[in-house]
Amino acid sequence: KKEQYVIDMPSSLNALMDIVVVEEDTTAHKPDPAPLLKAIKAMGLQPSEVLYVGDATSDYLCAQNAHCGFALALWSGLPHEGVDEPDMILHTPQDLLALLK
């Protein structure tokens, strides 16, 4: 049986994820790194091996606090003041898909 955790994803995408971390899985929440670190540990990775994709300042701060890379997803239109130096900027979901090739 595969363990599942949710990482802040719409529920329709949860079935596509191997690792999912939901709000109830940790007592601390973004920008605290606890949920991200829980997912990283479940994947057997180190933070330095992770590029966290997010669309908000809280995502950026979470990645920084977890010592992960961060890719800013601009397509949601959410404000992202305070995201000073993302490792990557993604303008469309297709930019993300290009990384996976």
PDB file of N, CA and C in Angstrom:
ATOM      1  N   LYS A   1       0.845  -1.180   0.000  1.00  0.00           N
ATOM      2  CA  LYS A   1       0.000   0.000   0.000  1.00  0.00           C
ATOM      3  C   LYS A   1       0.889   1.241   0.000  1.00  0.00           C
ATOM      4  N   LYS A   2       0.620   2.148  -0.909  1.00  0.00           N
ATOM      5  CA  LYS A   2       1.396   3.375  -1.050  1.00  0.00           C
ATOM      6  C   LYS A   2       0.933   4.415  -0.034  1.00  0.00           C
ATOM      7  N   GLU A   3       1.875   5.019   0.720  1.00  0.00           N
ATOM      8  CA  GLU A   3       1.514   6.115   1.608  1.00  0.00           C
ATOM      9  C   GLU A   3       1.232   7.348   0.782  1.00  0.00           C
ATOM     10  N   GLN A   4       0.251   8.131   1.190  1.00  0.00           N
ATOM     11  CA  GLN A   4      -0.056   9.364   0.474  1.00  0.00           C
ATOM     12  C   GLN A   4      -0.010  10.539   1.422  1.00  0.00           C
ATOM     13  N   TYR A   5       0.545  11.621   0.942  1.00  0.00           N
ATOM     14  CA  TYR A   5       0.585  12.896   1.639  1.00  0.00           C
ATOM     15  C   TYR A   5       0.133  13.946   0.635  1.00  0.00           C
ATOM     16  N   VAL A   6      -0.424  15.061   1.064  1.00  0.00           N
ATOM     17  CA  VAL A   6      -0.881  16.113   0.145  1.00  0.00           C
ATOM     18  C   VAL A   6      -0.070  17.374   0.362  1.00  0.00           C
ATOM     19  N   ILE A   7       0.412  17.976  -0.734  1.00  0.00           N
ATOM     20  CA  ILE A   7       1.170  19.215  -0.665  1.00  0.00           C
ATOM     21  C   ILE A   7       0.331  20.329  -1.268  1.00  0.00           C
ATOM     22  N   ASP A   8      -0.562  20.920  -0.504  1.00  0.00           N
ATOM     23  CA  ASP A   8      -1.292  22.116  -0.911  1.00  0.00           C
ATOM     24  C   ASP A   8      -1.774  22.045  -2.356  1.00  0.00           C
ATOM     25  N   MET A   9      -2.441  20.968  -2.737  1.00  0.00           N
ATOM     26  CA  MET A   9      -2.914  20.786  -4.113  1.00  0.00           C
ATOM     27  C   MET A   9      -4.433  20.696  -4.129  1.00  0.00           C
ATOM     28  N   PRO A  10      -5.066  21.185  -5.198  1.00  0.00           N
ATOM     29  CA  PRO A  10      -6.514  20.970  -5.309  1.00  0.00           C
ATOM     30  C   PRO A  10      -6.821  19.476  -5.250  1.00  0.00           C
ATOM     31  N   SER A  11      -7.929  19.109  -4.618  1.00  0.00           N
ATOM     32  CA  SER A  11      -8.214  17.691  -4.382  1.00  0.00           C
ATOM     33  C   SER A  11      -8.304  16.876  -5.668  1.00  0.00           C
ATOM     34  N   SER A  12      -8.684  17.478  -6.787  1.00  0.00           N
ATOM     35  CA  SER A  12      -8.766  16.727  -8.033  1.00  0.00           C
ATOM     36  C   SER A  12      -7.399  16.250  -8.508  1.00  0.00           C
ATOM     37  N   LEU A  13      -6.330  16.877  -8.035  1.00  0.00           N
ATOM     38  CA  LEU A  13      -4.978  16.470  -8.418  1.00  0.00           C
ATOM     39  C   LEU A  13      -4.361  15.473  -7.450  1.00  0.00           C
ATOM     40  N   ASN A  14      -4.956  15.314  -6.282  1.00  0.00           N
ATOM     41  CA  ASN A  14      -4.385  14.434  -5.262  1.00  0.00           C
ATOM     42  C   ASN A  14      -4.154  13.015  -5.768  1.00  0.00           C
ATOM     43  N   ALA A  15      -5.040  12.519  -6.603  1.00  0.00           N
ATOM     44  CA  ALA A  15      -4.911  11.147  -7.107  1.00  0.00           C
ATOM     45  C   ALA A  15      -3.673  10.981  -7.977  1.00  0.00           C
ATOM     46  N   LEU A  16      -3.156  12.069  -8.498  1.00  0.00           N
ATOM     47  CA  LEU A  16      -1.975  12.016  -9.354  1.00  0.00           C
ATOM     48  C   LEU A  16      -0.671  12.106  -8.557  1.00  0.00           C
ATOM     49  N   MET A  17      -0.773  12.362  -7.266  1.00  0.00           N
ATOM     50  CA  MET A  17       0.394  12.600  -6.434  1.00  0.00           C
ATOM     51  C   MET A  17       0.772  11.361  -5.638  1.00  0.00           C
ATOM     52  N   ASP A  18       2.073  11.117  -5.526  1.00  0.00           N
ATOM     53  CA  ASP A  18       2.561  10.052  -4.662  1.00  0.00           C
ATOM     54  C   ASP A  18       2.674  10.535  -3.221  1.00  0.00           C
ATOM     55  N   ILE A  19       2.990  11.812  -3.053  1.00  0.00           N
ATOM     56  CA  ILE A  19       3.191  12.404  -1.730  1.00  0.00           C
ATOM     57  C   ILE A  19       2.225  13.575  -1.588  1.00  0.00           C
ATOM     58  N   VAL A  20       1.449  13.578  -0.507  1.00  0.00           N
ATOM     59  CA  VAL A  20       0.475  14.635  -0.270  1.00  0.00           C
ATOM     60  C   VAL A  20       0.517  15.000   1.209  1.00  0.00           C
ATOM     61  N   VAL A  21       0.598  16.304   1.525  1.00  0.00           N
ATOM     62  CA  VAL A  21       0.590  16.781   2.905  1.00  0.00           C
ATOM     63  C   VAL A  21      -0.527  17.812   3.023  1.00  0.00           C
ATOM     64  N   VAL A  22      -1.488  17.557   3.901  1.00  0.00           N
ATOM     65  CA  VAL A  22      -2.598  18.493   4.106  1.00  0.00           C
ATOM     66  C   VAL A  22      -2.408  19.239   5.423  1.00  0.00           C
ATOM     67  N   GLU A  23      -3.225  20.240   5.621  1.00  0.00           N
ATOM     68  CA  GLU A  23      -3.120  21.108   6.791  1.00  0.00           C
ATOM     69  C   GLU A  23      -3.100  20.316   8.100  1.00  0.00           C
ATOM     70  N   GLU A  24      -3.874  19.264   8.170  1.00  0.00           N
ATOM     71  CA  GLU A  24      -3.968  18.465   9.401  1.00  0.00           C
ATOM     72  C   GLU A  24      -2.723  17.620   9.668  1.00  0.00           C
ATOM     73  N   ASP A  25      -1.829  17.511   8.698  1.00  0.00           N
ATOM     74  CA  ASP A  25      -0.640  16.671   8.866  1.00  0.00           C
ATOM     75  C   ASP A  25       0.473  17.334   9.667  1.00  0.00           C
ATOM     76  N   THR A  26       0.405  18.657   9.834  1.00  0.00           N
ATOM     77  CA  THR A  26       1.417  19.364  10.622  1.00  0.00           C
ATOM     78  C   THR A  26       0.722  20.415  11.486  1.00  0.00           C
ATOM     79  N   THR A  27       1.379  20.794  12.570  1.00  0.00           N
ATOM     80  CA  THR A  27       0.806  21.840  13.422  1.00  0.00           C
ATOM     81  C   THR A  27       1.231  23.229  12.967  1.00  0.00           C
ATOM     82  N   ALA A  28       2.331  23.310  12.243  1.00  0.00           N
ATOM     83  CA  ALA A  28       2.806  24.586  11.700  1.00  0.00           C
ATOM     84  C   ALA A  28       2.505  24.614  10.204  1.00  0.00           C
ATOM     85  N   HIS A  29       2.311  25.801   9.675  1.00  0.00           N
ATOM     86  CA  HIS A  29       1.912  25.949   8.283  1.00  0.00           C
ATOM     87  C   HIS A  29       2.740  27.040   7.602  1.00  0.00           C
ATOM     88  N   LYS A  30       2.672  27.069   6.257  1.00  0.00           N
ATOM     89  CA  LYS A  30       3.450  28.054   5.499  1.00  0.00           C
ATOM     90  C   LYS A  30       3.231  29.444   6.086  1.00  0.00           C
ATOM     91  N   PRO A  31       4.290  30.224   6.228  1.00  0.00           N
ATOM     92  CA  PRO A  31       5.626  30.037   5.666  1.00  0.00           C
ATOM     93  C   PRO A  31       6.570  29.163   6.495  1.00  0.00           C
ATOM     94  N   ASP A  32       6.078  28.581   7.586  1.00  0.00           N
ATOM     95  CA  ASP A  32       6.893  27.610   8.316  1.00  0.00           C
ATOM     96  C   ASP A  32       7.183  26.444   7.368  1.00  0.00           C
ATOM     97  N   PRO A  33       8.383  25.890   7.408  1.00  0.00           N
ATOM     98  CA  PRO A  33       8.737  24.833   6.459  1.00  0.00           C
ATOM     99  C   PRO A  33       8.227  23.437   6.824  1.00  0.00           C
ATOM    100  N   ALA A  34       7.534  23.278   7.937  1.00  0.00           N
ATOM    101  CA  ALA A  34       7.142  21.939   8.405  1.00  0.00           C
ATOM    102  C   ALA A  34       6.421  21.100   7.355  1.00  0.00           C
ATOM    103  N   PRO A  35       5.398  21.623   6.652  1.00  0.00           N
ATOM    104  CA  PRO A  35       4.723  20.767   5.660  1.00  0.00           C
ATOM    105  C   PRO A  35       5.644  20.365   4.508  1.00  0.00           C
ATOM    106  N   LEU A  36       6.441  21.289   4.050  1.00  0.00           N
ATOM    107  CA  LEU A  36       7.363  21.004   2.952  1.00  0.00           C
ATOM    108  C   LEU A  36       8.422  19.999   3.391  1.00  0.00           C
ATOM    109  N   LEU A  37       8.961  20.183   4.579  1.00  0.00           N
ATOM    110  CA  LEU A  37       9.977  19.253   5.084  1.00  0.00           C
ATOM    111  C   LEU A  37       9.395  17.854   5.292  1.00  0.00           C
ATOM    112  N   LYS A  38       8.133  17.769   5.701  1.00  0.00           N
ATOM    113  CA  LYS A  38       7.479  16.458   5.856  1.00  0.00           C
ATOM    114  C   LYS A  38       7.403  15.754   4.502  1.00  0.00           C
ATOM    115  N   ALA A  39       7.031  16.488   3.469  1.00  0.00           N
ATOM    116  CA  ALA A  39       6.942  15.905   2.124  1.00  0.00           C
ATOM    117  C   ALA A  39       8.321  15.508   1.608  1.00  0.00           C
ATOM    118  N   ILE A  40       9.297  16.349   1.843  1.00  0.00           N
ATOM    119  CA  ILE A  40      10.667  16.056   1.396  1.00  0.00           C
ATOM    120  C   ILE A  40      11.179  14.781   2.050  1.00  0.00           C
ATOM    121  N   LYS A  41      10.932  14.656   3.344  1.00  0.00           N
ATOM    122  CA  LYS A  41      11.360  13.453   4.062  1.00  0.00           C
ATOM    123  C   LYS A  41      10.639  12.224   3.516  1.00  0.00           C
ATOM    124  N   ALA A  42       9.328  12.345   3.258  1.00  0.00           N
ATOM    125  CA  ALA A  42       8.559  11.213   2.735  1.00  0.00           C
ATOM    126  C   ALA A  42       9.073  10.774   1.363  1.00  0.00           C
ATOM    127  N   MET A  43       9.630  11.695   0.599  1.00  0.00           N
ATOM    128  CA  MET A  43      10.177  11.366  -0.718  1.00  0.00           C
ATOM    129  C   MET A  43      11.609  10.845  -0.645  1.00  0.00           C
ATOM    130  N   GLY A  44      12.202  10.906   0.540  1.00  0.00           N
ATOM    131  CA  GLY A  44      13.578  10.439   0.688  1.00  0.00           C
ATOM    132  C   GLY A  44      14.585  11.383   0.053  1.00  0.00           C
ATOM    133  N   LEU A  45      14.245  12.671   0.020  1.00  0.00           N
ATOM    134  CA  LEU A  45      15.132  13.676  -0.585  1.00  0.00           C
ATOM    135  C   LEU A  45      15.734  14.583   0.470  1.00  0.00           C
ATOM    136  N   GLN A  46      16.681  15.381   0.037  1.00  0.00           N
ATOM    137  CA  GLN A  46      17.252  16.448   0.851  1.00  0.00           C
ATOM    138  C   GLN A  46      16.701  17.773   0.317  1.00  0.00           C
ATOM    139  N   PRO A  47      16.530  18.788   1.169  1.00  0.00           N
ATOM    140  CA  PRO A  47      16.021  20.075   0.693  1.00  0.00           C
ATOM    141  C   PRO A  47      16.804  20.647  -0.489  1.00  0.00           C
ATOM    142  N   SER A  48      18.093  20.431  -0.519  1.00  0.00           N
ATOM    143  CA  SER A  48      18.911  20.962  -1.616  1.00  0.00           C
ATOM    144  C   SER A  48      18.582  20.308  -2.958  1.00  0.00           C
ATOM    145  N   GLU A  49      17.838  19.207  -2.942  1.00  0.00           N
ATOM    146  CA  GLU A  49      17.456  18.496  -4.161  1.00  0.00           C
ATOM    147  C   GLU A  49      16.076  18.911  -4.676  1.00  0.00           C
ATOM    148  N   VAL A  50      15.439  19.868  -3.993  1.00  0.00           N
ATOM    149  CA  VAL A  50      14.040  20.195  -4.273  1.00  0.00           C
ATOM    150  C   VAL A  50      13.902  21.588  -4.869  1.00  0.00           C
ATOM    151  N   LEU A  51      13.058  21.695  -5.903  1.00  0.00           N
ATOM    152  CA  LEU A  51      12.619  22.976  -6.449  1.00  0.00           C
ATOM    153  C   LEU A  51      11.136  23.070  -6.151  1.00  0.00           C
ATOM    154  N   TYR A  52      10.785  23.936  -5.229  1.00  0.00           N
ATOM    155  CA  TYR A  52       9.391  24.118  -4.817  1.00  0.00           C
ATOM    156  C   TYR A  52       8.750  25.133  -5.749  1.00  0.00           C
ATOM    157  N   VAL A  53       7.637  24.771  -6.362  1.00  0.00           N
ATOM    158  CA  VAL A  53       6.913  25.658  -7.267  1.00  0.00           C
ATOM    159  C   VAL A  53       5.741  26.247  -6.500  1.00  0.00           C
ATOM    160  N   GLY A  54       5.675  27.573  -6.476  1.00  0.00           N
ATOM    161  CA  GLY A  54       4.594  28.237  -5.766  1.00  0.00           C
ATOM    162  C   GLY A  54       4.215  29.536  -6.435  1.00  0.00           C
ATOM    163  N   ASP A  55       3.078  30.096  -5.997  1.00  0.00           N
ATOM    164  CA  ASP A  55       2.578  31.309  -6.624  1.00  0.00           C
ATOM    165  C   ASP A  55       2.338  32.455  -5.652  1.00  0.00           C
ATOM    166  N   ALA A  56       2.877  32.332  -4.438  1.00  0.00           N
ATOM    167  CA  ALA A  56       2.634  33.355  -3.426  1.00  0.00           C
ATOM    168  C   ALA A  56       3.877  33.575  -2.566  1.00  0.00           C
ATOM    169  N   THR A  57       3.887  34.701  -1.895  1.00  0.00           N
ATOM    170  CA  THR A  57       5.010  35.025  -1.020  1.00  0.00           C
ATOM    171  C   THR A  57       5.182  33.979   0.070  1.00  0.00           C
ATOM    172  N   SER A  58       4.074  33.449   0.603  1.00  0.00           N
ATOM    173  CA  SER A  58       4.181  32.417   1.649  1.00  0.00           C
ATOM    174  C   SER A  58       4.872  31.155   1.114  1.00  0.00           C
ATOM    175  N   ASP A  59       4.680  30.841  -0.158  1.00  0.00           N
ATOM    176  CA  ASP A  59       5.370  29.699  -0.765  1.00  0.00           C
ATOM    177  C   ASP A  59       6.872  29.957  -0.838  1.00  0.00           C
ATOM    178  N   TYR A  60       7.219  31.164  -1.263  1.00  0.00           N
ATOM    179  CA  TYR A  60       8.630  31.564  -1.366  1.00  0.00           C
ATOM    180  C   TYR A  60       9.318  31.479  -0.010  1.00  0.00           C
ATOM    181  N   LEU A  61       8.656  32.022   1.015  1.00  0.00           N
ATOM    182  CA  LEU A  61       9.235  32.006   2.364  1.00  0.00           C
ATOM    183  C   LEU A  61       9.335  30.578   2.899  1.00  0.00           C
ATOM    184  N   CYS A  62       8.360  29.752   2.596  1.00  0.00           N
ATOM    185  CA  CYS A  62       8.401  28.346   2.997  1.00  0.00           C
ATOM    186  C   CYS A  62       9.612  27.658   2.379  1.00  0.00           C
ATOM    187  N   ALA A  63       9.824  27.861   1.084  1.00  0.00           N
ATOM    188  CA  ALA A  63      10.980  27.263   0.405  1.00  0.00           C
ATOM    189  C   ALA A  63      12.284  27.770   1.003  1.00  0.00           C
ATOM    190  N   GLN A  64      12.364  29.068   1.250  1.00  0.00           N
ATOM    191  CA  GLN A  64      13.573  29.618   1.870  1.00  0.00           C
ATOM    192  C   GLN A  64      13.805  29.005   3.245  1.00  0.00           C
ATOM    193  N   ASN A  65      12.750  28.923   4.048  1.00  0.00           N
ATOM    194  CA  ASN A  65      12.874  28.373   5.399  1.00  0.00           C
ATOM    195  C   ASN A  65      13.250  26.899   5.393  1.00  0.00           C
ATOM    196  N   ALA A  66      12.898  26.198   4.316  1.00  0.00           N
ATOM    197  CA  ALA A  66      13.244  24.779   4.193  1.00  0.00           C
ATOM    198  C   ALA A  66      14.577  24.576   3.477  1.00  0.00           C
ATOM    199  N   HIS A  67      15.176  25.662   3.000  1.00  0.00           N
ATOM    200  CA  HIS A  67      16.449  25.616   2.267  1.00  0.00           C
ATOM    201  C   HIS A  67      16.318  24.867   0.946  1.00  0.00           C
ATOM    202  N   CYS A  68      15.195  25.136   0.253  1.00  0.00           N
ATOM    203  CA  CYS A  68      14.918  24.550  -1.065  1.00  0.00           C
ATOM    204  C   CYS A  68      15.051  25.628  -2.135  1.00  0.00           C
ATOM    205  N   GLY A  69      15.154  25.188  -3.376  1.00  0.00           N
ATOM    206  CA  GLY A  69      15.032  26.118  -4.481  1.00  0.00           C
ATOM    207  C   GLY A  69      13.574  26.533  -4.617  1.00  0.00           C
ATOM    208  N   PHE A  70      13.330  27.649  -5.329  1.00  0.00           N
ATOM    209  CA  PHE A  70      11.962  28.127  -5.504  1.00  0.00           C
ATOM    210  C   PHE A  70      11.742  28.619  -6.919  1.00  0.00           C
ATOM    211  N   ALA A  71      10.657  28.145  -7.530  1.00  0.00           N
ATOM    212  CA  ALA A  71      10.218  28.618  -8.845  1.00  0.00           C
ATOM    213  C   ALA A  71       8.890  29.344  -8.655  1.00  0.00           C
ATOM    214  N   LEU A  72       8.840  30.600  -9.078  1.00  0.00           N
ATOM    215  CA  LEU A  72       7.630  31.412  -8.956  1.00  0.00           C
ATOM    216  C   LEU A  72       6.723  31.172 -10.153  1.00  0.00           C
ATOM    217  N   ALA A  73       5.516  30.702  -9.883  1.00  0.00           N
ATOM    218  CA  ALA A  73       4.503  30.466 -10.915  1.00  0.00           C
ATOM    219  C   ALA A  73       3.645  31.724 -11.038  1.00  0.00           C
ATOM    220  N   LEU A  74       3.737  32.403 -12.156  1.00  0.00           N
ATOM    221  CA  LEU A  74       3.043  33.678 -12.336  1.00  0.00           C
ATOM    222  C   LEU A  74       1.614  33.551 -12.849  1.00  0.00           C
ATOM    223  N   TRP A  75       1.198  32.373 -13.302  1.00  0.00           N
ATOM    224  CA  TRP A  75      -0.084  32.273 -13.987  1.00  0.00           C
ATOM    225  C   TRP A  75      -1.296  32.416 -13.084  1.00  0.00           C
ATOM    226  N   SER A  76      -1.149  32.337 -11.772  1.00  0.00           N
ATOM    227  CA  SER A  76      -2.318  32.452 -10.894  1.00  0.00           C
ATOM    228  C   SER A  76      -2.765  33.893 -10.708  1.00  0.00           C
ATOM    229  N   GLY A  77      -1.865  34.824 -10.907  1.00  0.00           N
ATOM    230  CA  GLY A  77      -2.207  36.225 -10.712  1.00  0.00           C
ATOM    231  C   GLY A  77      -2.189  36.672  -9.265  1.00  0.00           C
ATOM    232  N   LEU A  78      -1.792  35.787  -8.338  1.00  0.00           N
ATOM    233  CA  LEU A  78      -1.703  36.179  -6.929  1.00  0.00           C
ATOM    234  C   LEU A  78      -0.575  37.184  -6.741  1.00  0.00           C
ATOM    235  N   PRO A  79      -0.735  38.088  -5.769  1.00  0.00           N
ATOM    236  CA  PRO A  79       0.366  39.025  -5.500  1.00  0.00           C
ATOM    237  C   PRO A  79       1.588  38.276  -4.977  1.00  0.00           C
ATOM    238  N   HIS A  80       2.756  38.724  -5.360  1.00  0.00           N
ATOM    239  CA  HIS A  80       3.976  38.058  -4.906  1.00  0.00           C
ATOM    240  C   HIS A  80       5.041  39.074  -4.483  1.00  0.00           C
ATOM    241  N   GLU A  81       4.578  40.157  -3.860  1.00  0.00           N
ATOM    242  CA  GLU A  81       5.525  41.102  -3.289  1.00  0.00           C
ATOM    243  C   GLU A  81       6.355  40.383  -2.235  1.00  0.00           C
ATOM    244  N   GLY A  82       7.638  40.678  -2.217  1.00  0.00           N
ATOM    245  CA  GLY A  82       8.529  40.016  -1.266  1.00  0.00           C
ATOM    246  C   GLY A  82       9.234  38.809  -1.847  1.00  0.00           C
ATOM    247  N   VAL A  83       8.838  38.380  -3.033  1.00  0.00           N
ATOM    248  CA  VAL A  83       9.557  37.293  -3.714  1.00  0.00           C
ATOM    249  C   VAL A  83      10.677  37.972  -4.489  1.00  0.00           C
ATOM    250  N   ASP A  84      11.798  38.150  -3.801  1.00  0.00           N
ATOM    251  CA  ASP A  84      12.888  38.963  -4.339  1.00  0.00           C
ATOM    252  C   ASP A  84      13.792  38.227  -5.316  1.00  0.00           C
ATOM    253  N   GLU A  85      14.126  37.004  -5.015  1.00  0.00           N
ATOM    254  CA  GLU A  85      15.090  36.282  -5.842  1.00  0.00           C
ATOM    255  C   GLU A  85      14.691  34.826  -6.028  1.00  0.00           C
ATOM    256  N   PRO A  86      13.613  34.574  -6.792  1.00  0.00           N
ATOM    257  CA  PRO A  86      13.290  33.171  -7.059  1.00  0.00           C
ATOM    258  C   PRO A  86      14.385  32.553  -7.921  1.00  0.00           C
ATOM    259  N   ASP A  87      14.574  31.270  -7.794  1.00  0.00           N
ATOM    260  CA  ASP A  87      15.565  30.575  -8.611  1.00  0.00           C
ATOM    261  C   ASP A  87      15.122  30.496 -10.064  1.00  0.00           C
ATOM    262  N   MET A  88      13.808  30.567 -10.263  1.00  0.00           N
ATOM    263  CA  MET A  88      13.258  30.449 -11.603  1.00  0.00           C
ATOM    264  C   MET A  88      11.903  31.147 -11.616  1.00  0.00           C
ATOM    265  N   ILE A  89      11.528  31.692 -12.776  1.00  0.00           N
ATOM    266  CA  ILE A  89      10.202  32.269 -12.957  1.00  0.00           C
ATOM    267  C   ILE A  89       9.502  31.473 -14.053  1.00  0.00           C
ATOM    268  N   LEU A  90       8.308  31.013 -13.746  1.00  0.00           N
ATOM    269  CA  LEU A  90       7.499  30.246 -14.687  1.00  0.00           C
ATOM    270  C   LEU A  90       6.309  31.108 -15.092  1.00  0.00           C
ATOM    271  N   HIS A  91       6.205  31.423 -16.365  1.00  0.00           N
ATOM    272  CA  HIS A  91       5.130  32.291 -16.851  1.00  0.00           C
ATOM    273  C   HIS A  91       3.854  31.512 -17.152  1.00  0.00           C
ATOM    274  N   THR A  92       3.982  30.272 -17.557  1.00  0.00           N
ATOM    275  CA  THR A  92       2.826  29.433 -17.901  1.00  0.00           C
ATOM    276  C   THR A  92       3.048  28.025 -17.357  1.00  0.00           C
ATOM    277  N   PRO A  93       1.990  27.242 -17.213  1.00  0.00           N
ATOM    278  CA  PRO A  93       2.172  25.847 -16.800  1.00  0.00           C
ATOM    279  C   PRO A  93       3.066  25.075 -17.772  1.00  0.00           C
ATOM    280  N   GLN A  94       3.061  25.468 -19.022  1.00  0.00           N
ATOM    281  CA  GLN A  94       3.917  24.803 -20.011  1.00  0.00           C
ATOM    282  C   GLN A  94       5.400  24.968 -19.672  1.00  0.00           C
ATOM    283  N   ASP A  95       5.744  26.103 -19.036  1.00  0.00           N
ATOM    284  CA  ASP A  95       7.133  26.284 -18.581  1.00  0.00           C
ATOM    285  C   ASP A  95       7.502  25.213 -17.574  1.00  0.00           C
ATOM    286  N   LEU A  96       6.587  24.867 -16.711  1.00  0.00           N
ATOM    287  CA  LEU A  96       6.826  23.813 -15.724  1.00  0.00           C
ATOM    288  C   LEU A  96       6.958  22.463 -16.420  1.00  0.00           C
ATOM    289  N   LEU A  97       6.087  22.196 -17.360  1.00  0.00           N
ATOM    290  CA  LEU A  97       6.155  20.929 -18.084  1.00  0.00           C
ATOM    291  C   LEU A  97       7.486  20.790 -18.839  1.00  0.00           C
ATOM    292  N   ALA A  98       8.002  21.899 -19.346  1.00  0.00           N
ATOM    293  CA  ALA A  98       9.287  21.861 -20.060  1.00  0.00           C
ATOM    294  C   ALA A  98      10.412  21.412 -19.125  1.00  0.00           C
ATOM    295  N   LEU A  99      10.321  21.734 -17.855  1.00  0.00           N
ATOM    296  CA  LEU A  99      11.339  21.309 -16.875  1.00  0.00           C
ATOM    297  C   LEU A  99      11.334  19.804 -16.674  1.00  0.00           C
ATOM    298  N   LEU A 100      10.187  19.199 -16.862  1.00  0.00           N
ATOM    299  CA  LEU A 100      10.034  17.765 -16.587  1.00  0.00           C
ATOM    300  C   LEU A 100      10.500  16.879 -17.737  1.00  0.00           C
ATOM    301  N   LYS A 101      10.804  17.467 -18.863  1.00  0.00           N
ATOM    302  CA  LYS A 101      11.242  16.674 -20.031  1.00  0.00           C
ATOM    303  C   LYS A 101      12.671  16.232 -19.886  1.00  0.00           C
TER     304      LYS A 101
END
